[in-house]
Every structure is written in structure tokens, then in C-alpha cells.
Amino acid sequence: MPVFLTFIISWIVSLVLIFLSEISLLQHDFSDGTVLCRDVLISWIIALVFAIGRAVKGRTAFQLLPESEFRSTSADESYKQYPGGPANRFNAGTADEGHLYLFPDSLVFHPHTKAAHRADVTIKYSNIADVKPSILNSIIVNTRDEKSHRFAVDNKHQWVSDIKARIG
């Protein structure tokens, strides 16, 4: 059913139900226009919420990637020799899922997907100016070239101390 038609039908139904409930329960005199305006507004809101809910039914906020979009496991296996763990990297309002690793000379974020804009992010320890815990479970890594990287990790205080130990 088209969204517009869903909206109109749900608006009429909600408006009728509101009028019937007020007539039977509250015995309102509808000569006052404010009650009528309020009822029409409430019915519009109910209809709009219902129509939007029907329009997005079956859709998800996150699109699942096909198996072919994931990186090969051979690359992931070579990373596992280094300490690290699951992490999300926040960048320009988006979050990339992946793993954060402590390589001997750098901090490396390895995203799960192989899309072109999701390449590994490598931050040399010599370029890290500061690392500090942030709100909830995130850490912020500030670099000498004035860039800031935010990662959500488990046990943020351990990550901060491990990175600080490597930057000297």
C-alpha cells in the first residue's frame, strides 16, 4: 500500500477513534474549536507515525554486506601475532568496525570490510602526541600533525597505558 494512502487511512481511523473516545468518556461539547484542533493534530501525529512505520518496515539502519565484501582471512591471520582487540573507529560521524593492533612501531586499525575508503589506519608511535581516555569506552589519540583519532575499545585504561608505554 502506498505511504500516502496508509497515512490517509490511519489518519481517518485515529481521528474517528479520538472523537468516539471523547464523546463517550468525556462528554465534550465540540463547540470549542481548541478541542477539535487538538484532536486533529493528535490524529495527524498518530497517522504520520503509523505511515512512517509502515514505510520503513523491513528496512534496517545497517545494510548487511555480502560475504564477498569482507577481507580475506589470510590478511587477518598475519595481524593476530600482535596484541590487539575489537574496536570501532569514529570518523566524520560514521563508525567503522574492526580491530586495533599494537604493532612494534605503530598503532594500526584494521577495518572488517575491504571497501576503498576503509583502508588500514596506521599511526606511528613517533607521531602520537597524546592518548587519553574519553567518555564511555573510547580513547582519543592525538597526533603531532594535529589530527585526532577516536576509537571505542574494551578496557580503555589498559589501551591508554599500553600506547603510552610505546610512545615513551
Protein backbone atom coordinates (compact mmCIF):
# COMPACT_ATOMS: atom_id res chain seq x y z
CA MET A 1 0.00 0.00 0.00
CA PRO A 2 1.45 3.45 -0.87
CA VAL A 3 2.63 5.55 2.06
CA PHE A 4 0.23 8.39 1.27
CA LEU A 5 -2.77 6.06 1.25
CA THR A 6 -1.57 4.47 4.50
CA PHE A 7 -1.31 7.93 6.03
CA ILE A 8 -4.82 8.98 4.96
CA ILE A 9 -6.45 5.75 6.17
CA SER A 10 -4.64 5.79 9.52
CA TRP A 11 -5.46 9.49 9.97
CA ILE A 12 -9.17 8.90 9.42
CA VAL A 13 -9.20 5.87 11.73
CA SER A 14 -7.31 7.67 14.51
CA LEU A 15 -9.47 10.78 14.18
CA VAL A 16 -12.67 8.72 14.45
CA LEU A 17 -11.31 6.81 17.46
CA ILE A 18 -10.31 10.04 19.23
CA PHE A 19 -13.73 11.61 18.62
CA LEU A 20 -15.55 8.48 19.78
CA SER A 21 -13.47 8.24 22.96
CA GLU A 22 -14.07 11.88 23.83
CA ILE A 23 -17.79 11.73 23.13
CA SER A 24 -18.30 8.56 25.17
CA LEU A 25 -15.84 9.18 28.02
CA LEU A 26 -15.57 12.91 28.48
CA GLN A 27 -18.85 14.14 27.05
CA HIS A 28 -17.14 17.12 25.39
CA ASP A 29 -19.04 19.91 23.78
CA PHE A 30 -17.30 20.35 20.43
CA SER A 31 -18.39 23.97 20.06
CA ASP A 32 -14.94 24.96 21.37
CA GLY A 33 -12.54 24.90 18.42
CA THR A 34 -9.43 24.23 20.53
CA VAL A 35 -10.55 20.70 21.39
CA LEU A 36 -11.21 19.96 17.74
CA CYS A 37 -7.82 21.40 16.66
CA ARG A 38 -6.03 19.38 19.32
CA ASP A 39 -7.80 16.19 18.24
CA VAL A 40 -6.97 16.76 14.57
CA LEU A 41 -3.32 17.43 15.45
CA ILE A 42 -3.08 14.32 17.61
CA SER A 43 -4.65 12.21 14.87
CA TRP A 44 -2.22 13.62 12.29
CA ILE A 45 0.73 12.71 14.52
CA ILE A 46 -0.60 9.18 15.07
CA ALA A 47 -1.19 8.74 11.34
CA LEU A 48 2.25 10.08 10.48
CA VAL A 49 3.99 7.73 12.92
CA PHE A 50 1.99 4.78 11.62
CA ALA A 51 2.64 5.65 7.95
CA ILE A 52 6.39 6.10 8.53
CA GLY A 53 6.49 2.83 10.43
CA ARG A 54 4.80 1.05 7.55
CA ALA A 55 7.10 2.73 5.01
CA VAL A 56 10.30 1.57 6.70
CA LYS A 57 9.01 -1.88 7.65
CA GLY A 58 11.55 -4.47 6.58
CA ARG A 59 14.32 -1.95 6.12
CA THR A 60 17.26 -1.74 8.50
CA ALA A 61 19.52 1.09 9.56
CA PHE A 62 22.55 -1.01 8.66
CA GLN A 63 22.91 -2.79 5.37
CA LEU A 64 24.46 -6.21 5.76
CA LEU A 65 27.40 -6.72 3.46
CA PRO A 66 27.63 -9.84 1.34
CA GLU A 67 30.34 -12.32 2.30
CA SER A 68 32.43 -11.23 -0.72
CA GLU A 69 32.82 -7.75 0.80
CA PHE A 70 34.75 -9.00 3.82
CA ARG A 71 38.53 -9.06 3.83
CA SER A 72 40.26 -12.32 3.27
CA THR A 73 41.15 -14.16 6.44
CA SER A 74 44.77 -14.60 5.37
CA ALA A 75 45.45 -10.90 5.96
CA ASP A 76 43.68 -11.07 9.31
CA GLU A 77 45.77 -14.06 10.37
CA SER A 78 49.02 -12.12 9.94
CA TYR A 79 47.72 -9.38 12.22
CA LYS A 80 46.86 -11.79 15.04
CA GLN A 81 50.50 -12.15 16.03
CA TYR A 82 50.31 -8.64 17.52
CA PRO A 83 48.39 -7.62 20.65
CA GLY A 84 45.05 -6.00 19.94
CA GLY A 85 41.33 -6.31 20.13
CA PRO A 86 37.99 -5.36 18.62
CA ALA A 87 37.45 -1.65 18.12
CA ASN A 88 35.33 0.90 16.31
CA ARG A 89 36.95 3.91 14.66
CA PHE A 90 34.84 7.07 14.59
CA ASN A 91 35.41 9.30 11.58
CA ALA A 92 33.19 12.12 10.28
CA GLY A 93 30.06 10.85 12.00
CA THR A 94 30.49 7.22 11.00
CA ALA A 95 31.88 4.24 12.84
CA ASP A 96 33.96 1.57 11.15
CA GLU A 97 34.14 -1.80 12.86
CA GLY A 98 37.44 -3.60 13.00
CA HIS A 99 40.40 -4.40 15.22
CA LEU A 100 43.01 -2.16 16.78
CA TYR A 101 46.53 -3.61 16.93
CA LEU A 102 49.72 -2.63 18.73
CA PHE A 103 52.39 -3.22 16.08
CA PRO A 104 56.04 -2.80 17.13
CA ASP A 105 56.31 0.67 15.53
CA SER A 106 52.69 1.82 15.13
CA LEU A 107 49.08 1.63 16.18
CA VAL A 108 47.03 0.01 13.39
CA PHE A 109 43.27 -0.03 12.92
CA HIS A 110 42.25 -2.83 10.56
CA PRO A 111 38.59 -2.46 9.41
CA HIS A 112 36.45 -5.51 8.68
CA THR A 113 35.43 -4.55 5.14
CA LYS A 114 37.64 -4.10 2.11
CA ALA A 115 35.88 -1.08 0.65
CA ALA A 116 38.24 1.53 -0.81
CA HIS A 117 37.51 4.15 1.85
CA ARG A 118 38.12 1.63 4.62
CA ALA A 119 41.84 1.06 4.37
CA ASP A 120 44.02 0.34 7.39
CA VAL A 121 44.74 3.38 9.53
CA THR A 122 48.35 3.39 10.70
CA ILE A 123 49.59 5.83 13.32
CA LYS A 124 53.32 5.71 14.04
CA TYR A 125 54.12 5.87 17.74
CA SER A 126 56.63 8.65 16.98
CA ASN A 127 53.73 10.73 15.60
CA ILE A 128 51.48 10.31 18.64
CA ALA A 129 51.43 13.44 20.80
CA ASP A 130 48.94 12.25 23.39
CA VAL A 131 46.49 9.47 24.16
CA LYS A 132 43.72 9.76 26.73
CA PRO A 133 40.54 8.00 27.79
CA SER A 134 37.32 9.66 26.70
CA ILE A 135 33.66 9.19 27.51
CA LEU A 136 32.19 5.72 27.86
CA ASN A 137 34.56 3.16 26.37
CA SER A 138 36.51 5.33 23.95
CA ILE A 139 40.06 6.61 23.69
CA ILE A 140 41.37 9.62 21.78
CA VAL A 141 44.74 9.51 20.06
CA ASN A 142 46.08 12.96 19.16
CA THR A 143 48.93 13.14 16.66
CA ARG A 144 51.71 15.68 16.21
CA ASP A 145 50.18 16.78 12.90
CA GLU A 146 47.09 17.85 14.90
CA LYS A 147 44.81 15.01 13.88
CA SER A 148 42.56 13.31 16.38
CA HIS A 149 41.52 9.65 16.19
CA ARG A 150 38.75 8.24 18.36
CA PHE A 151 38.36 4.52 18.97
CA ALA A 152 35.80 2.60 21.01
CA VAL A 153 37.57 -0.27 22.76
CA ASP A 154 37.13 -2.65 25.66
CA ASN A 155 39.21 -1.78 28.75
CA LYS A 156 40.13 1.74 27.61
CA HIS A 157 42.53 2.37 30.52
CA GLN A 158 44.63 -0.66 29.56
CA TRP A 159 44.79 0.59 25.95
CA VAL A 160 45.88 4.05 27.10
CA SER A 161 48.64 2.66 29.31
CA ASP A 162 49.84 0.24 26.60
CA ILE A 163 50.02 3.01 23.98
CA LYS A 164 51.72 5.43 26.40
CA ALA A 165 54.33 2.78 27.19
CA ARG A 166 55.13 2.52 23.46
CA ILE A 167 55.32 6.26 22.77
CA GLY A 168 57.79 6.72 25.60
